[in-house]
Structure formats: C-alpha cells, structure tokens
Amino acid sequence: SLARQEIAELFLVLLIMLMVARNIPRTTNFTLFVVFGASL
C-alpha cells in the first residue's frame, strides 16, 4: 500500500548495486548514479 516507497526502495537498491558494480565504465556509472539518485 506504499507505492511511492516501493519505487524509492527500488531506486535505492539500484544505487547500491552501482556502488558494488565493478565492470561498469566510470562515466556510465556516474550517469546512472545521478539518474537513480534523482529518481530516489
């Protein structure tokens, strides 16, 4: 029943996944970090 928090936690997990990712180029990682952070 908490739709906005469900989506926020999805973006939070995506941000954490970016933090532990090793094979993503730095510019792509930064771009995704900004997009997921703003989405959060």
Full PDB file with SEQRES, HELIX, SHEET, SSBOND, CRYST1, ORIGX, SCALE, CONECT and MASTER records, all heavy atoms in Angstrom:
SEQRES   1 A   40  SER LEU ALA ARG GLN GLU ILE ALA GLU LEU PHE LEU VAL          
SEQRES   2 A   40  LEU LEU ILE MET LEU MET VAL ALA ARG ASN ILE PRO ARG          
SEQRES   3 A   40  THR THR ASN PHE THR LEU PHE VAL VAL PHE GLY ALA SER          
SEQRES   4 A   40  LEU                                                          
HELIX    1 AA1 ALA A    3  VAL A   20  1                                  18    
HELIX    2 AA2 ARG A   26  SER A   39  1                                  14    
CRYST1    1.000    1.000    1.000  90.00  90.00  90.00 P 1           1          
ORIGX1      1.000000  0.000000  0.000000        0.00000                         
ORIGX2      0.000000  1.000000  0.000000        0.00000                         
ORIGX3      0.000000  0.000000  1.000000        0.00000                         
SCALE1      1.000000  0.000000  0.000000        0.00000                         
SCALE2      0.000000  1.000000  0.000000        0.00000                         
SCALE3      0.000000  0.000000  1.000000        0.00000                         
ATOM      1  N   SER A   1       0.812  -1.222   0.000  1.00  0.00           N  
ATOM      2  CA  SER A   1       0.000   0.000   0.000  1.00  0.00           C  
ATOM      3  C   SER A   1       0.844   1.270   0.000  1.00  0.00           C  
ATOM      4  O   SER A   1       0.307   2.367   0.063  1.00  0.00           O  
ATOM      5  CB  SER A   1      -0.927   0.000   1.219  1.00  0.00           C  
ATOM      6  OG  SER A   1      -0.162   0.008   2.410  1.00  0.00           O  
ATOM      7  N   LEU A   2       2.148   1.132  -0.058  1.00  0.00           N  
ATOM      8  CA  LEU A   2       3.048   2.288  -0.057  1.00  0.00           C  
ATOM      9  C   LEU A   2       3.777   2.380  -1.396  1.00  0.00           C  
ATOM     10  O   LEU A   2       4.974   2.111  -1.487  1.00  0.00           O  
ATOM     11  CB  LEU A   2       4.044   2.173   1.100  1.00  0.00           C  
ATOM     12  CG  LEU A   2       3.443   2.072   2.496  1.00  0.00           C  
ATOM     13  CD1 LEU A   2       4.524   1.768   3.517  1.00  0.00           C  
ATOM     14  CD2 LEU A   2       2.695   3.338   2.856  1.00  0.00           C  
ATOM     15  N   ALA A   3       3.070   2.763  -2.413  1.00  0.00           N  
ATOM     16  CA  ALA A   3       3.610   2.745  -3.781  1.00  0.00           C  
ATOM     17  C   ALA A   3       4.852   3.598  -3.932  1.00  0.00           C  
ATOM     18  O   ALA A   3       5.842   3.173  -4.535  1.00  0.00           O  
ATOM     19  CB  ALA A   3       2.543   3.205  -4.764  1.00  0.00           C  
ATOM     20  N   ARG A   4       4.837   4.792  -3.392  1.00  0.00           N  
ATOM     21  CA  ARG A   4       5.998   5.670  -3.589  1.00  0.00           C  
ATOM     22  C   ARG A   4       7.232   5.125  -2.877  1.00  0.00           C  
ATOM     23  O   ARG A   4       8.348   5.270  -3.349  1.00  0.00           O  
ATOM     24  CB  ARG A   4       5.688   7.090  -3.163  1.00  0.00           C  
ATOM     25  CG  ARG A   4       5.243   7.223  -1.742  1.00  0.00           C  
ATOM     26  CD  ARG A   4       4.773   8.611  -1.442  1.00  0.00           C  
ATOM     27  NE  ARG A   4       4.178   8.595  -0.104  1.00  0.00           N  
ATOM     28  CZ  ARG A   4       3.831   9.646   0.544  1.00  0.00           C  
ATOM     29  NH1 ARG A   4       3.990  10.824   0.001  1.00  0.00           N  
ATOM     30  NH2 ARG A   4       3.313   9.561   1.735  1.00  0.00           N  
ATOM     31  N   GLN A   5       7.052   4.472  -1.724  1.00  0.00           N  
ATOM     32  CA  GLN A   5       8.195   3.898  -1.023  1.00  0.00           C  
ATOM     33  C   GLN A   5       8.704   2.652  -1.737  1.00  0.00           C  
ATOM     34  O   GLN A   5       9.903   2.384  -1.743  1.00  0.00           O  
ATOM     35  CB  GLN A   5       7.834   3.576   0.421  1.00  0.00           C  
ATOM     36  CG  GLN A   5       9.041   3.246   1.249  1.00  0.00           C  
ATOM     37  CD  GLN A   5       8.749   3.242   2.727  1.00  0.00           C  
ATOM     38  OE1 GLN A   5       7.777   3.812   3.179  1.00  0.00           O  
ATOM     39  NE2 GLN A   5       9.603   2.589   3.477  1.00  0.00           N  
ATOM     40  N   GLU A   6       7.823   1.894  -2.354  1.00  0.00           N  
ATOM     41  CA  GLU A   6       8.261   0.731  -3.137  1.00  0.00           C  
ATOM     42  C   GLU A   6       9.206   1.159  -4.250  1.00  0.00           C  
ATOM     43  O   GLU A   6      10.272   0.574  -4.438  1.00  0.00           O  
ATOM     44  CB  GLU A   6       7.057   0.019  -3.757  1.00  0.00           C  
ATOM     45  CG  GLU A   6       6.214  -0.744  -2.803  1.00  0.00           C  
ATOM     46  CD  GLU A   6       4.998  -1.349  -3.490  1.00  0.00           C  
ATOM     47  OE1 GLU A   6       4.518  -0.796  -4.496  1.00  0.00           O  
ATOM     48  OE2 GLU A   6       4.529  -2.384  -3.010  1.00  0.00           O  
ATOM     49  N   ILE A   7       8.815   2.193  -4.962  1.00  0.00           N  
ATOM     50  CA  ILE A   7       9.646   2.675  -6.074  1.00  0.00           C  
ATOM     51  C   ILE A   7      10.942   3.279  -5.547  1.00  0.00           C  
ATOM     52  O   ILE A   7      12.016   3.074  -6.129  1.00  0.00           O  
ATOM     53  CB  ILE A   7       8.854   3.678  -6.940  1.00  0.00           C  
ATOM     54  CG1 ILE A   7       7.599   3.021  -7.515  1.00  0.00           C  
ATOM     55  CG2 ILE A   7       9.721   4.268  -8.030  1.00  0.00           C  
ATOM     56  CD1 ILE A   7       7.862   1.777  -8.342  1.00  0.00           C  
ATOM     57  N   ALA A   8      10.871   3.996  -4.421  1.00  0.00           N  
ATOM     58  CA  ALA A   8      12.081   4.581  -3.838  1.00  0.00           C  
ATOM     59  C   ALA A   8      13.062   3.496  -3.414  1.00  0.00           C  
ATOM     60  O   ALA A   8      14.270   3.629  -3.629  1.00  0.00           O  
ATOM     61  CB  ALA A   8      11.713   5.461  -2.641  1.00  0.00           C  
ATOM     62  N   GLU A   9      12.560   2.412  -2.828  1.00  0.00           N  
ATOM     63  CA  GLU A   9      13.453   1.337  -2.421  1.00  0.00           C  
ATOM     64  C   GLU A   9      14.051   0.614  -3.626  1.00  0.00           C  
ATOM     65  O   GLU A   9      15.180   0.138  -3.566  1.00  0.00           O  
ATOM     66  CB  GLU A   9      12.733   0.372  -1.485  1.00  0.00           C  
ATOM     67  CG  GLU A   9      12.500   0.989  -0.116  1.00  0.00           C  
ATOM     68  CD  GLU A   9      12.022   0.008   0.919  1.00  0.00           C  
ATOM     69  OE1 GLU A   9      12.262  -1.203   0.764  1.00  0.00           O  
ATOM     70  OE2 GLU A   9      11.408   0.473   1.900  1.00  0.00           O  
ATOM     71  N   LEU A  10      13.309   0.560  -4.709  1.00  0.00           N  
ATOM     72  CA  LEU A  10      13.866   0.003  -5.941  1.00  0.00           C  
ATOM     73  C   LEU A  10      15.058   0.843  -6.407  1.00  0.00           C  
ATOM     74  O   LEU A  10      16.125   0.312  -6.724  1.00  0.00           O  
ATOM     75  CB  LEU A  10      12.796  -0.053  -7.035  1.00  0.00           C  
ATOM     76  CG  LEU A  10      13.281  -0.437  -8.429  1.00  0.00           C  
ATOM     77  CD1 LEU A  10      13.725  -1.892  -8.450  1.00  0.00           C  
ATOM     78  CD2 LEU A  10      12.206  -0.185  -9.447  1.00  0.00           C  
ATOM     79  N   PHE A  11      14.891   2.165  -6.422  1.00  0.00           N  
ATOM     80  CA  PHE A  11      15.995   3.038  -6.831  1.00  0.00           C  
ATOM     81  C   PHE A  11      17.145   2.999  -5.827  1.00  0.00           C  
ATOM     82  O   PHE A  11      18.311   3.092  -6.213  1.00  0.00           O  
ATOM     83  CB  PHE A  11      15.503   4.472  -7.035  1.00  0.00           C  
ATOM     84  CG  PHE A  11      14.687   4.640  -8.281  1.00  0.00           C  
ATOM     85  CD1 PHE A  11      13.394   5.126  -8.218  1.00  0.00           C  
ATOM     86  CD2 PHE A  11      15.195   4.302  -9.520  1.00  0.00           C  
ATOM     87  CE1 PHE A  11      12.630   5.269  -9.367  1.00  0.00           C  
ATOM     88  CE2 PHE A  11      14.442   4.446 -10.679  1.00  0.00           C  
ATOM     89  CZ  PHE A  11      13.157   4.933 -10.598  1.00  0.00           C  
ATOM     90  N   LEU A  12      16.837   2.833  -4.546  1.00  0.00           N  
ATOM     91  CA  LEU A  12      17.879   2.714  -3.536  1.00  0.00           C  
ATOM     92  C   LEU A  12      18.726   1.468  -3.778  1.00  0.00           C  
ATOM     93  O   LEU A  12      19.955   1.519  -3.739  1.00  0.00           O  
ATOM     94  CB  LEU A  12      17.256   2.667  -2.132  1.00  0.00           C  
ATOM     95  CG  LEU A  12      18.212   2.492  -0.976  1.00  0.00           C  
ATOM     96  CD1 LEU A  12      19.150   3.679  -0.856  1.00  0.00           C  
ATOM     97  CD2 LEU A  12      17.442   2.298   0.318  1.00  0.00           C  
ATOM     98  N   VAL A  13      18.086   0.357  -4.076  1.00  0.00           N  
ATOM     99  CA  VAL A  13      18.817  -0.880  -4.356  1.00  0.00           C  
ATOM    100  C   VAL A  13      19.619  -0.738  -5.653  1.00  0.00           C  
ATOM    101  O   VAL A  13      20.752  -1.224  -5.742  1.00  0.00           O  
ATOM    102  CB  VAL A  13      17.859  -2.082  -4.390  1.00  0.00           C  
ATOM    103  CG1 VAL A  13      18.544  -3.324  -4.941  1.00  0.00           C  
ATOM    104  CG2 VAL A  13      17.320  -2.364  -3.007  1.00  0.00           C  
ATOM    105  N   LEU A  14      19.064  -0.052  -6.644  1.00  0.00           N  
ATOM    106  CA  LEU A  14      19.822   0.180  -7.877  1.00  0.00           C  
ATOM    107  C   LEU A  14      21.068   1.014  -7.595  1.00  0.00           C  
ATOM    108  O   LEU A  14      22.143   0.759  -8.167  1.00  0.00           O  
ATOM    109  CB  LEU A  14      18.935   0.857  -8.926  1.00  0.00           C  
ATOM    110  CG  LEU A  14      17.855  -0.025  -9.536  1.00  0.00           C  
ATOM    111  CD1 LEU A  14      16.916   0.814 -10.414  1.00  0.00           C  
ATOM    112  CD2 LEU A  14      18.450  -1.154 -10.343  1.00  0.00           C  
ATOM    113  N   LEU A  15      20.959   2.006  -6.707  1.00  0.00           N  
ATOM    114  CA  LEU A  15      22.133   2.796  -6.330  1.00  0.00           C  
ATOM    115  C   LEU A  15      23.173   1.944  -5.616  1.00  0.00           C  
ATOM    116  O   LEU A  15      24.380   2.044  -5.888  1.00  0.00           O  
ATOM    117  CB  LEU A  15      21.709   3.957  -5.432  1.00  0.00           C  
ATOM    118  CG  LEU A  15      21.078   5.145  -6.131  1.00  0.00           C  
ATOM    119  CD1 LEU A  15      20.396   6.059  -5.125  1.00  0.00           C  
ATOM    120  CD2 LEU A  15      22.110   5.909  -6.924  1.00  0.00           C  
ATOM    121  N   ILE A  16      22.729   1.095  -4.718  1.00  0.00           N  
ATOM    122  CA  ILE A  16      23.659   0.224  -4.001  1.00  0.00           C  
ATOM    123  C   ILE A  16      24.311  -0.768  -4.961  1.00  0.00           C  
ATOM    124  O   ILE A  16      25.509  -1.063  -4.848  1.00  0.00           O  
ATOM    125  CB  ILE A  16      22.941  -0.487  -2.840  1.00  0.00           C  
ATOM    126  CG1 ILE A  16      22.506   0.544  -1.799  1.00  0.00           C  
ATOM    127  CG2 ILE A  16      23.842  -1.531  -2.194  1.00  0.00           C  
ATOM    128  CD1 ILE A  16      21.591   0.009  -0.731  1.00  0.00           C  
ATOM    129  N   MET A  17      23.546  -1.253  -5.932  1.00  0.00           N  
ATOM    130  CA  MET A  17      24.118  -2.149  -6.936  1.00  0.00           C  
ATOM    131  C   MET A  17      25.215  -1.441  -7.732  1.00  0.00           C  
ATOM    132  O   MET A  17      26.231  -2.051  -8.076  1.00  0.00           O  
ATOM    133  CB  MET A  17      23.030  -2.668  -7.876  1.00  0.00           C  
ATOM    134  CG  MET A  17      22.133  -3.711  -7.255  1.00  0.00           C  
ATOM    135  SD  MET A  17      20.781  -4.206  -8.322  1.00  0.00           S  
ATOM    136  CE  MET A  17      21.655  -5.047  -9.635  1.00  0.00           C  
ATOM    137  N   LEU A  18      25.005  -0.157  -8.028  1.00  0.00           N  
ATOM    138  CA  LEU A  18      26.042   0.600  -8.731  1.00  0.00           C  
ATOM    139  C   LEU A  18      27.301   0.733  -7.889  1.00  0.00           C  
ATOM    140  O   LEU A  18      28.414   0.733  -8.413  1.00  0.00           O  
ATOM    141  CB  LEU A  18      25.524   1.994  -9.088  1.00  0.00           C  
ATOM    142  CG  LEU A  18      24.635   2.102 -10.299  1.00  0.00           C  
ATOM    143  CD1 LEU A  18      24.133   3.532 -10.458  1.00  0.00           C  
ATOM    144  CD2 LEU A  18      25.363   1.667 -11.550  1.00  0.00           C  
ATOM    145  N   MET A  19      27.119   0.858  -6.576  1.00  0.00           N  
ATOM    146  CA  MET A  19      28.278   1.011  -5.698  1.00  0.00           C  
ATOM    147  C   MET A  19      29.150  -0.238  -5.665  1.00  0.00           C  
ATOM    148  O   MET A  19      30.364  -0.133  -5.506  1.00  0.00           O  
ATOM    149  CB  MET A  19      27.824   1.343  -4.280  1.00  0.00           C  
ATOM    150  CG  MET A  19      27.276   2.718  -4.123  1.00  0.00           C  
ATOM    151  SD  MET A  19      26.773   2.931  -2.413  1.00  0.00           S  
ATOM    152  CE  MET A  19      25.958   4.492  -2.533  1.00  0.00           C  
ATOM    153  N   VAL A  20      28.544  -1.400  -5.791  1.00  0.00           N  
ATOM    154  CA  VAL A  20      29.333  -2.633  -5.733  1.00  0.00           C  
ATOM    155  C   VAL A  20      29.697  -3.158  -7.118  1.00  0.00           C  
ATOM    156  O   VAL A  20      30.439  -4.125  -7.218  1.00  0.00           O  
ATOM    157  CB  VAL A  20      28.605  -3.735  -4.922  1.00  0.00           C  
ATOM    158  CG1 VAL A  20      28.373  -3.288  -3.495  1.00  0.00           C  
ATOM    159  CG2 VAL A  20      27.320  -4.162  -5.580  1.00  0.00           C  
ATOM    160  N   ALA A  21      29.185  -2.522  -8.163  1.00  0.00           N  
ATOM    161  CA  ALA A  21      29.491  -2.967  -9.526  1.00  0.00           C  
ATOM    162  C   ALA A  21      30.947  -2.682  -9.850  1.00  0.00           C  
ATOM    163  O   ALA A  21      31.485  -1.636  -9.507  1.00  0.00           O  
ATOM    164  CB  ALA A  21      28.581  -2.272 -10.528  1.00  0.00           C  
ATOM    165  N   ARG A  22      31.565  -3.615 -10.527  1.00  0.00           N  
ATOM    166  CA  ARG A  22      32.979  -3.469 -10.865  1.00  0.00           C  
ATOM    167  C   ARG A  22      33.229  -3.307 -12.356  1.00  0.00           C  
ATOM    168  O   ARG A  22      34.264  -2.826 -12.757  1.00  0.00           O  
ATOM    169  CB  ARG A  22      33.741  -4.701 -10.364  1.00  0.00           C  
ATOM    170  CG  ARG A  22      33.709  -4.840  -8.888  1.00  0.00           C  
ATOM    171  CD  ARG A  22      34.545  -6.015  -8.448  1.00  0.00           C  
ATOM    172  NE  ARG A  22      34.351  -6.235  -7.031  1.00  0.00           N  
ATOM    173  CZ  ARG A  22      34.105  -7.393  -6.485  1.00  0.00           C  
ATOM    174  NH1 ARG A  22      34.038  -8.471  -7.227  1.00  0.00           N  
ATOM    175  NH2 ARG A  22      33.945  -7.500  -5.200  1.00  0.00           N  
ATOM    176  N   ASN A  23      32.290  -3.719 -13.171  1.00  0.00           N  
ATOM    177  CA  ASN A  23      32.548  -3.764 -14.603  1.00  0.00           C  
ATOM    178  C   ASN A  23      31.839  -2.670 -15.395  1.00  0.00           C  
ATOM    179  O   ASN A  23      31.755  -2.748 -16.602  1.00  0.00           O  
ATOM    180  CB  ASN A  23      32.155  -5.138 -15.149  1.00  0.00           C  
ATOM    181  CG  ASN A  23      30.708  -5.480 -14.820  1.00  0.00           C  
ATOM    182  OD1 ASN A  23      30.057  -4.746 -14.084  1.00  0.00           O  
ATOM    183  ND2 ASN A  23      30.215  -6.568 -15.363  1.00  0.00           N  
ATOM    184  N   ILE A  24      31.350  -1.632 -14.728  1.00  0.00           N  
ATOM    185  CA  ILE A  24      30.675  -0.538 -15.421  1.00  0.00           C  
ATOM    186  C   ILE A  24      31.673   0.603 -15.594  1.00  0.00           C  
ATOM    187  O   ILE A  24      32.345   0.988 -14.628  1.00  0.00           O  
ATOM    188  CB  ILE A  24      29.440  -0.062 -14.627  1.00  0.00           C  
ATOM    189  CG1 ILE A  24      28.435  -1.200 -14.485  1.00  0.00           C  
ATOM    190  CG2 ILE A  24      28.786   1.129 -15.297  1.00  0.00           C  
ATOM    191  CD1 ILE A  24      27.224  -0.852 -13.650  1.00  0.00           C  
ATOM    192  N   PRO A  25      31.775   1.147 -16.802  1.00  0.00           N  
ATOM    193  CA  PRO A  25      32.685   2.285 -17.003  1.00  0.00           C  
ATOM    194  C   PRO A  25      32.330   3.455 -16.088  1.00  0.00           C  
ATOM    195  O   PRO A  25      31.175   3.650 -15.730  1.00  0.00           O  
ATOM    196  CB  PRO A  25      32.479   2.665 -18.471  1.00  0.00           C  
ATOM    197  CG  PRO A  25      31.892   1.453 -19.104  1.00  0.00           C  
ATOM    198  CD  PRO A  25      31.131   0.738 -18.047  1.00  0.00           C  
ATOM    199  N   ARG A  26      33.327   4.212 -15.720  1.00  0.00           N  
ATOM    200  CA  ARG A  26      33.156   5.291 -14.739  1.00  0.00           C  
ATOM    201  C   ARG A  26      32.107   6.321 -15.160  1.00  0.00           C  
ATOM    202  O   ARG A  26      31.298   6.753 -14.345  1.00  0.00           O  
ATOM    203  CB  ARG A  26      34.505   5.949 -14.498  1.00  0.00           C  
ATOM    204  CG  ARG A  26      34.577   6.737 -13.235  1.00  0.00           C  
ATOM    205  CD  ARG A  26      36.013   7.240 -13.026  1.00  0.00           C  
ATOM    206  NE  ARG A  26      36.130   7.793 -11.720  1.00  0.00           N  
ATOM    207  CZ  ARG A  26      36.707   7.199 -10.692  1.00  0.00           C  
ATOM    208  NH1 ARG A  26      37.220   6.017 -10.841  1.00  0.00           N  
ATOM    209  NH2 ARG A  26      36.780   7.787  -9.525  1.00  0.00           N  
ATOM    210  N   THR A  27      32.097   6.721 -16.429  1.00  0.00           N  
ATOM    211  CA  THR A  27      31.128   7.732 -16.875  1.00  0.00           C  
ATOM    212  C   THR A  27      29.705   7.175 -16.864  1.00  0.00           C  
ATOM    213  O   THR A  27      28.766   7.865 -16.474  1.00  0.00           O  
ATOM    214  CB  THR A  27      31.475   8.247 -18.283  1.00  0.00           C  
ATOM    215  OG1 THR A  27      31.583   7.141 -19.173  1.00  0.00           O  
ATOM    216  CG2 THR A  27      32.767   9.036 -18.268  1.00  0.00           C  
ATOM    217  N   THR A  28      29.550   5.930 -17.259  1.00  0.00           N  
ATOM    218  CA  THR A  28      28.238   5.294 -17.224  1.00  0.00           C  
ATOM    219  C   THR A  28      27.765   5.147 -15.789  1.00  0.00           C  
ATOM    220  O   THR A  28      26.594   5.415 -15.478  1.00  0.00           O  
ATOM    221  CB  THR A  28      28.285   3.915 -17.906  1.00  0.00           C  
ATOM    222  OG1 THR A  28      28.800   4.069 -19.223  1.00  0.00           O  
ATOM    223  CG2 THR A  28      26.920   3.277 -17.954  1.00  0.00           C  
ATOM    224  N   ASN A  29      28.665   4.738 -14.913  1.00  0.00           N  
ATOM    225  CA  ASN A  29      28.338   4.592 -13.501  1.00  0.00           C  
ATOM    226  C   ASN A  29      27.878   5.925 -12.917  1.00  0.00           C  
ATOM    227  O   ASN A  29      26.876   5.987 -12.204  1.00  0.00           O  
ATOM    228  CB  ASN A  29      29.546   4.059 -12.740  1.00  0.00           C  
ATOM    229  CG  ASN A  29      29.191   3.525 -11.376  1.00  0.00           C  
ATOM    230  OD1 ASN A  29      28.224   3.938 -10.759  1.00  0.00           O  
ATOM    231  ND2 ASN A  29      29.997   2.616 -10.891  1.00  0.00           N  
ATOM    232  N   PHE A  30      28.608   6.998 -13.219  1.00  0.00           N  
ATOM    233  CA  PHE A  30      28.250   8.320 -12.707  1.00  0.00           C  
ATOM    234  C   PHE A  30      26.894   8.769 -13.244  1.00  0.00           C  
ATOM    235  O   PHE A  30      26.066   9.296 -12.500  1.00  0.00           O  
ATOM    236  CB  PHE A  30      29.331   9.344 -13.064  1.00  0.00           C  
ATOM    237  CG  PHE A  30      29.007  10.729 -12.602  1.00  0.00           C  
ATOM    238  CD1 PHE A  30      29.146  11.065 -11.264  1.00  0.00           C  
ATOM    239  CD2 PHE A  30      28.543  11.682 -13.494  1.00  0.00           C  
ATOM    240  CE1 PHE A  30      28.833  12.347 -10.825  1.00  0.00           C  
ATOM    241  CE2 PHE A  30      28.221  12.958 -13.067  1.00  0.00           C  
ATOM    242  CZ  PHE A  30      28.379  13.298 -11.728  1.00  0.00           C  
ATOM    243  N   THR A  31      26.665   8.556 -14.533  1.00  0.00           N  
ATOM    244  CA  THR A  31      25.389   8.952 -15.138  1.00  0.00           C  
ATOM    245  C   THR A  31      24.221   8.201 -14.499  1.00  0.00           C  
ATOM    246  O   THR A  31      23.209   8.801 -14.136  1.00  0.00           O  
ATOM    247  CB  THR A  31      25.408   8.688 -16.657  1.00  0.00           C  
ATOM    248  OG1 THR A  31      26.514   9.376 -17.234  1.00  0.00           O  
ATOM    249  CG2 THR A  31      24.126   9.142 -17.310  1.00  0.00           C  
ATOM    250  N   LEU A  32      24.376   6.887 -14.358  1.00  0.00           N  
ATOM    251  CA  LEU A  32      23.323   6.103 -13.720  1.00  0.00           C  
ATOM    252  C   LEU A  32      23.137   6.497 -12.260  1.00  0.00           C  
ATOM    253  O   LEU A  32      22.018   6.518 -11.749  1.00  0.00           O  
ATOM    254  CB  LEU A  32      23.636   4.608 -13.828  1.00  0.00           C  
ATOM    255  CG  LEU A  32      23.509   4.007 -15.218  1.00  0.00           C  
ATOM    256  CD1 LEU A  32      24.009   2.565 -15.220  1.00  0.00           C  
ATOM    257  CD2 LEU A  32      22.071   4.073 -15.708  1.00  0.00           C  
ATOM    258  N   PHE A  33      24.237   6.822 -11.582  1.00  0.00           N  
ATOM    259  CA  PHE A  33      24.164   7.253 -10.190  1.00  0.00           C  
ATOM    260  C   PHE A  33      23.336   8.534 -10.062  1.00  0.00           C  
ATOM    261  O   PHE A  33      22.503   8.659  -9.165  1.00  0.00           O  
ATOM    262  CB  PHE A  33      25.575   7.465  -9.641  1.00  0.00           C  
ATOM    263  CG  PHE A  33      25.646   7.518  -8.144  1.00  0.00           C  
ATOM    264  CD1 PHE A  33      25.691   6.350  -7.420  1.00  0.00           C  
ATOM    265  CD2 PHE A  33      25.677   8.718  -7.482  1.00  0.00           C  
ATOM    266  CE1 PHE A  33      25.760   6.381  -6.039  1.00  0.00           C  
ATOM    267  CE2 PHE A  33      25.739   8.774  -6.111  1.00  0.00           C  
ATOM    268  CZ  PHE A  33      25.784   7.596  -5.383  1.00  0.00           C  
ATOM    269  N   VAL A  34      23.544   9.481 -10.968  1.00  0.00           N  
ATOM    270  CA  VAL A  34      22.774  10.730 -10.951  1.00  0.00           C  
ATOM    271  C   VAL A  34      21.305  10.458 -11.263  1.00  0.00           C  
ATOM    272  O   VAL A  34      20.404  10.984 -10.592  1.00  0.00           O  
ATOM    273  CB  VAL A  34      23.379  11.751 -11.946  1.00  0.00           C  
ATOM    274  CG1 VAL A  34      22.460  12.939 -12.161  1.00  0.00           C  
ATOM    275  CG2 VAL A  34      24.744  12.210 -11.462  1.00  0.00           C  
ATOM    276  N   VAL A  35      21.032   9.628 -12.268  1.00  0.00           N  
ATOM    277  CA  VAL A  35      19.645   9.324 -12.647  1.00  0.00           C  
ATOM    278  C   VAL A  35      18.919   8.603 -11.521  1.00  0.00           C  
ATOM    279  O   VAL A  35      17.802   8.982 -11.135  1.00  0.00           O  
ATOM    280  CB  VAL A  35      19.611   8.485 -13.952  1.00  0.00           C  
ATOM    281  CG1 VAL A  35      18.223   7.933 -14.203  1.00  0.00           C  
ATOM    282  CG2 VAL A  35      20.076   9.322 -15.123  1.00  0.00           C  
ATOM    283  N   PHE A  36      19.539   7.573 -10.950  1.00  0.00           N  
ATOM    284  CA  PHE A  36      18.893   6.824  -9.876  1.00  0.00           C  
ATOM    285  C   PHE A  36      18.769   7.660  -8.605  1.00  0.00           C  
ATOM    286  O   PHE A  36      17.785   7.555  -7.875  1.00  0.00           O  
ATOM    287  CB  PHE A  36      19.641   5.525  -9.578  1.00  0.00           C  
ATOM    288  CG  PHE A  36      19.609   4.525 -10.695  1.00  0.00           C  
ATOM    289  CD1 PHE A  36      20.606   3.580 -10.823  1.00  0.00           C  
ATOM    290  CD2 PHE A  36      18.584   4.521 -11.630  1.00  0.00           C  
ATOM    291  CE1 PHE A  36      20.588   2.651 -11.842  1.00  0.00           C  
ATOM    292  CE2 PHE A  36      18.554   3.598 -12.666  1.00  0.00           C  
ATOM    293  CZ  PHE A  36      19.557   2.670 -12.760  1.00  0.00           C  
ATOM    294  N   GLY A  37      19.765   8.509  -8.337  1.00  0.00           N  
ATOM    295  CA  GLY A  37      19.702   9.387  -7.166  1.00  0.00           C  
ATOM    296  C   GLY A  37      18.571  10.404  -7.290  1.00  0.00           C  
ATOM    297  O   GLY A  37      17.823  10.642  -6.338  1.00  0.00           O  
ATOM    298  N   ALA A  38      18.445  11.001  -8.468  1.00  0.00           N  
ATOM    299  CA  ALA A  38      17.338  11.941  -8.688  1.00  0.00           C  
ATOM    300  C   ALA A  38      15.996  11.219  -8.628  1.00  0.00           C  
ATOM    301  O   ALA A  38      15.023  11.741  -8.072  1.00  0.00           O  
ATOM    302  CB  ALA A  38      17.513  12.631 -10.038  1.00  0.00           C  
ATOM    303  N   SER A  39      15.939  10.016  -9.171  1.00  0.00           N  
ATOM    304  CA  SER A  39      14.703   9.238  -9.125  1.00  0.00           C  
ATOM    305  C   SER A  39      14.338   8.881  -7.693  1.00  0.00           C  
ATOM    306  O   SER A  39      13.156   8.889  -7.326  1.00  0.00           O  
ATOM    307  CB  SER A  39      14.851   7.964  -9.957  1.00  0.00           C  
ATOM    308  OG  SER A  39      15.110   8.296 -11.302  1.00  0.00           O  
ATOM    309  N   LEU A  40      15.326   8.579  -6.889  1.00  0.00           N  
ATOM    310  CA  LEU A  40      15.077   8.297  -5.478  1.00  0.00           C  
ATOM    311  C   LEU A  40      14.516   9.534  -4.782  1.00  0.00           C  
ATOM    312  O   LEU A  40      13.550   9.444  -4.025  1.00  0.00           O  
ATOM    313  CB  LEU A  40      16.369   7.841  -4.790  1.00  0.00           C  
ATOM    314  CG  LEU A  40      16.320   7.648  -3.283  1.00  0.00           C  
ATOM    315  CD1 LEU A  40      15.385   6.498  -2.926  1.00  0.00           C  
ATOM    316  CD2 LEU A  40      17.707   7.393  -2.731  1.00  0.00           C  
TER     317      LEU A  40                                                      
MASTER        0    0    0    2    0    0    0    6  316    1    0    4          
END                                                                             
